[in-house]
N, C-alpha and C. Protein backbone atom coordinates (compact mmCIF):
# COMPACT_ATOMS: atom_id res chain seq x y z
N MET A 1 13.76 -34.07 -63.29
CA MET A 1 12.79 -33.72 -62.31
C MET A 1 11.78 -32.58 -62.80
N LYS A 2 10.53 -32.85 -62.61
CA LYS A 2 9.50 -31.89 -63.14
C LYS A 2 9.62 -30.62 -62.22
N LYS A 3 9.47 -29.46 -62.84
CA LYS A 3 9.39 -28.26 -62.23
C LYS A 3 8.04 -28.04 -61.57
N GLN A 4 8.07 -27.78 -60.25
CA GLN A 4 6.78 -27.56 -59.46
C GLN A 4 6.37 -26.17 -59.49
N THR A 5 5.35 -25.87 -60.21
CA THR A 5 4.86 -24.43 -60.20
C THR A 5 3.30 -24.42 -59.76
N TYR A 6 3.01 -23.21 -59.42
CA TYR A 6 1.67 -22.90 -59.02
C TYR A 6 1.13 -23.89 -58.04
N LEU A 7 1.84 -24.09 -56.91
CA LEU A 7 1.59 -25.13 -55.93
C LEU A 7 0.30 -24.83 -55.16
N LYS A 8 0.06 -23.47 -54.88
CA LYS A 8 -1.16 -23.12 -54.15
C LYS A 8 -2.43 -23.43 -55.05
N LEU A 9 -2.29 -23.13 -56.32
CA LEU A 9 -3.46 -23.44 -57.28
C LEU A 9 -3.58 -24.96 -57.36
N ARG A 10 -2.55 -25.67 -57.44
CA ARG A 10 -2.64 -27.13 -57.48
C ARG A 10 -3.24 -27.71 -56.19
N GLY A 11 -2.96 -27.10 -55.13
CA GLY A 11 -3.53 -27.48 -53.80
C GLY A 11 -5.00 -27.18 -53.75
N LEU A 12 -5.37 -26.12 -54.36
CA LEU A 12 -6.80 -25.75 -54.47
C LEU A 12 -7.55 -26.74 -55.30
N LEU A 13 -6.96 -27.16 -56.41
CA LEU A 13 -7.59 -28.17 -57.25
C LEU A 13 -7.75 -29.46 -56.46
N ALA A 14 -6.70 -29.76 -55.68
CA ALA A 14 -6.87 -31.07 -54.94
C ALA A 14 -7.86 -30.96 -53.85
N GLU A 15 -7.85 -29.85 -53.21
CA GLU A 15 -8.94 -29.59 -52.16
C GLU A 15 -10.36 -29.72 -52.59
N HIS A 16 -10.56 -29.30 -53.85
CA HIS A 16 -11.88 -29.42 -54.49
C HIS A 16 -12.04 -30.66 -55.30
N ASP A 17 -11.08 -31.50 -55.24
CA ASP A 17 -11.18 -32.80 -55.92
C ASP A 17 -11.42 -32.54 -57.43
N MET A 18 -10.74 -31.62 -57.98
CA MET A 18 -10.97 -31.16 -59.36
C MET A 18 -9.72 -31.52 -60.21
N THR A 19 -10.01 -31.96 -61.40
CA THR A 19 -8.92 -32.30 -62.36
C THR A 19 -8.61 -31.13 -63.27
N ILE A 20 -7.43 -31.21 -63.91
CA ILE A 20 -7.08 -30.16 -64.86
C ILE A 20 -8.09 -30.09 -65.99
N ALA A 21 -8.65 -31.23 -66.34
CA ALA A 21 -9.68 -31.13 -67.49
C ALA A 21 -10.90 -30.42 -66.99
N GLU A 22 -11.34 -30.62 -65.70
CA GLU A 22 -12.44 -29.87 -65.16
C GLU A 22 -12.18 -28.37 -65.07
N LEU A 23 -10.97 -28.07 -64.72
CA LEU A 23 -10.58 -26.65 -64.66
C LEU A 23 -10.58 -26.03 -66.06
N ALA A 24 -10.12 -26.80 -67.06
CA ALA A 24 -10.05 -26.36 -68.43
C ALA A 24 -11.48 -26.12 -68.91
N TYR A 25 -12.41 -26.99 -68.56
CA TYR A 25 -13.79 -26.81 -68.94
C TYR A 25 -14.41 -25.52 -68.33
N GLN A 26 -14.06 -25.21 -67.02
CA GLN A 26 -14.65 -24.05 -66.37
C GLN A 26 -14.05 -22.81 -66.96
N THR A 27 -12.86 -22.85 -67.54
CA THR A 27 -12.21 -21.65 -68.08
C THR A 27 -12.43 -21.44 -69.55
N GLY A 28 -12.96 -22.58 -70.18
CA GLY A 28 -13.18 -22.45 -71.59
C GLY A 28 -11.89 -22.69 -72.46
N LYS A 29 -10.92 -23.20 -71.77
CA LYS A 29 -9.68 -23.46 -72.45
C LYS A 29 -9.43 -25.00 -72.61
N SER A 30 -8.45 -25.31 -73.44
CA SER A 30 -8.19 -26.83 -73.58
C SER A 30 -7.43 -27.35 -72.45
N THR A 31 -7.57 -28.65 -72.20
CA THR A 31 -6.86 -29.28 -71.09
C THR A 31 -5.23 -29.15 -71.31
N PRO A 32 -4.85 -29.39 -72.53
CA PRO A 32 -3.32 -29.22 -72.77
C PRO A 32 -2.86 -27.71 -72.42
N HIS A 33 -3.66 -26.77 -72.79
CA HIS A 33 -3.33 -25.38 -72.51
C HIS A 33 -3.19 -25.19 -71.03
N ILE A 34 -4.15 -25.56 -70.28
CA ILE A 34 -4.13 -25.44 -68.82
C ILE A 34 -2.90 -26.15 -68.19
N SER A 35 -2.72 -27.31 -68.70
CA SER A 35 -1.60 -28.16 -68.19
C SER A 35 -0.31 -27.41 -68.49
N GLN A 36 -0.15 -26.81 -69.68
CA GLN A 36 1.06 -26.07 -69.99
C GLN A 36 1.29 -24.88 -69.12
N CYS A 37 0.22 -24.23 -68.83
CA CYS A 37 0.26 -23.01 -67.87
C CYS A 37 0.68 -23.49 -66.46
N LEU A 38 0.10 -24.62 -66.01
CA LEU A 38 0.47 -25.10 -64.75
C LEU A 38 2.02 -25.53 -64.58
N LEU A 39 2.47 -25.95 -65.68
CA LEU A 39 3.86 -26.42 -65.77
C LEU A 39 4.80 -25.15 -65.93
N GLY A 40 4.17 -23.98 -66.23
CA GLY A 40 5.04 -22.74 -66.52
C GLY A 40 5.56 -22.63 -67.91
N LYS A 41 5.02 -23.52 -68.79
CA LYS A 41 5.48 -23.55 -70.18
C LYS A 41 4.68 -22.62 -71.08
N ALA A 42 3.59 -22.09 -70.54
CA ALA A 42 2.65 -21.11 -71.26
C ALA A 42 2.27 -20.07 -70.27
N GLN A 43 1.98 -18.91 -70.70
CA GLN A 43 1.49 -17.80 -69.86
C GLN A 43 0.06 -17.85 -69.60
N TRP A 44 -0.37 -17.57 -68.37
CA TRP A 44 -1.72 -17.52 -68.04
C TRP A 44 -2.31 -16.18 -68.65
N ARG A 45 -3.41 -16.26 -69.26
CA ARG A 45 -4.09 -15.06 -69.77
C ARG A 45 -4.83 -14.44 -68.55
N LEU A 46 -4.95 -13.15 -68.55
CA LEU A 46 -5.56 -12.49 -67.38
C LEU A 46 -7.05 -12.83 -67.34
N ASP A 47 -7.75 -12.93 -68.39
CA ASP A 47 -9.20 -13.33 -68.33
C ASP A 47 -9.35 -14.74 -67.72
N VAL A 48 -8.39 -15.64 -68.05
CA VAL A 48 -8.55 -16.99 -67.46
C VAL A 48 -8.28 -16.96 -65.97
N VAL A 49 -7.26 -16.19 -65.61
CA VAL A 49 -7.00 -16.01 -64.13
C VAL A 49 -8.22 -15.48 -63.41
N TYR A 50 -8.87 -14.45 -63.92
CA TYR A 50 -10.06 -13.99 -63.27
C TYR A 50 -11.25 -14.99 -63.27
N ARG A 51 -11.29 -15.77 -64.29
CA ARG A 51 -12.35 -16.88 -64.33
C ARG A 51 -12.04 -17.80 -63.15
N ILE A 52 -10.82 -18.20 -63.01
CA ILE A 52 -10.47 -19.15 -61.96
C ILE A 52 -10.69 -18.59 -60.60
N LEU A 53 -10.32 -17.34 -60.42
CA LEU A 53 -10.54 -16.71 -59.13
C LEU A 53 -12.04 -16.55 -58.80
N ASP A 54 -12.77 -16.16 -59.82
CA ASP A 54 -14.29 -16.11 -59.65
C ASP A 54 -14.94 -17.47 -59.35
N TYR A 55 -14.46 -18.48 -60.02
CA TYR A 55 -15.02 -19.83 -59.78
C TYR A 55 -14.83 -20.33 -58.36
N PHE A 56 -13.55 -20.06 -57.85
CA PHE A 56 -13.26 -20.47 -56.50
C PHE A 56 -13.61 -19.37 -55.49
N GLU A 57 -14.21 -18.30 -55.90
CA GLU A 57 -14.59 -17.19 -55.00
C GLU A 57 -13.41 -16.70 -54.24
N ILE A 58 -12.29 -16.46 -54.91
CA ILE A 58 -11.06 -15.92 -54.32
C ILE A 58 -11.03 -14.48 -54.67
N PRO A 59 -10.83 -13.61 -53.61
CA PRO A 59 -10.73 -12.15 -53.87
C PRO A 59 -9.56 -11.85 -54.80
N TYR A 60 -9.74 -10.86 -55.68
CA TYR A 60 -8.75 -10.51 -56.66
C TYR A 60 -7.44 -10.04 -55.95
N ASP A 61 -7.53 -9.47 -54.72
CA ASP A 61 -6.26 -9.06 -54.10
C ASP A 61 -5.44 -10.22 -53.61
N GLN A 62 -5.87 -11.46 -53.76
CA GLN A 62 -5.19 -12.65 -53.41
C GLN A 62 -4.58 -13.36 -54.69
N MET A 63 -4.73 -12.71 -55.82
CA MET A 63 -4.32 -13.27 -57.11
C MET A 63 -2.78 -13.64 -56.98
N HIS A 64 -2.00 -12.86 -56.42
CA HIS A 64 -0.50 -13.13 -56.33
C HIS A 64 -0.27 -14.45 -55.54
N ILE A 65 -1.12 -14.90 -54.71
CA ILE A 65 -0.91 -16.11 -53.91
C ILE A 65 -1.09 -17.31 -54.85
N TYR A 66 -2.03 -17.30 -55.67
CA TYR A 66 -2.37 -18.45 -56.57
C TYR A 66 -1.60 -18.32 -57.81
N PHE A 67 -1.23 -17.18 -58.25
CA PHE A 67 -0.59 -16.94 -59.57
C PHE A 67 0.66 -16.15 -59.35
N PRO A 68 1.64 -16.62 -58.59
CA PRO A 68 2.83 -15.82 -58.35
C PRO A 68 3.67 -15.64 -59.59
N GLN A 69 4.47 -14.61 -59.65
CA GLN A 69 5.34 -14.36 -60.74
C GLN A 69 6.26 -15.57 -60.92
N GLY A 70 6.37 -16.08 -62.14
CA GLY A 70 7.17 -17.22 -62.44
C GLY A 70 6.70 -18.49 -61.97
N GLY A 71 5.49 -18.53 -61.31
CA GLY A 71 4.84 -19.74 -60.84
C GLY A 71 5.30 -20.23 -59.48
N LYS A 72 6.20 -19.49 -58.85
CA LYS A 72 6.70 -19.91 -57.57
C LYS A 72 6.62 -18.78 -56.61
N ALA A 73 6.12 -19.01 -55.44
CA ALA A 73 6.02 -18.08 -54.32
C ALA A 73 7.25 -17.89 -53.63
């Protein structure tokens, strides 16, 4: 069974009808890298986290909601 991580972020992508490839493009990272981060197999870089928050206009004080420690809230 696949480990479900970053569910709030995944929900945000679905809400905006956005693919992982589109998120990768917006962050300047590769699709496989973003996919690995979403699976919890790679660490999110802080600059990428801020780009995602800025793109979706999410206040920085809500970072922990979308990027919880270990990927699970």
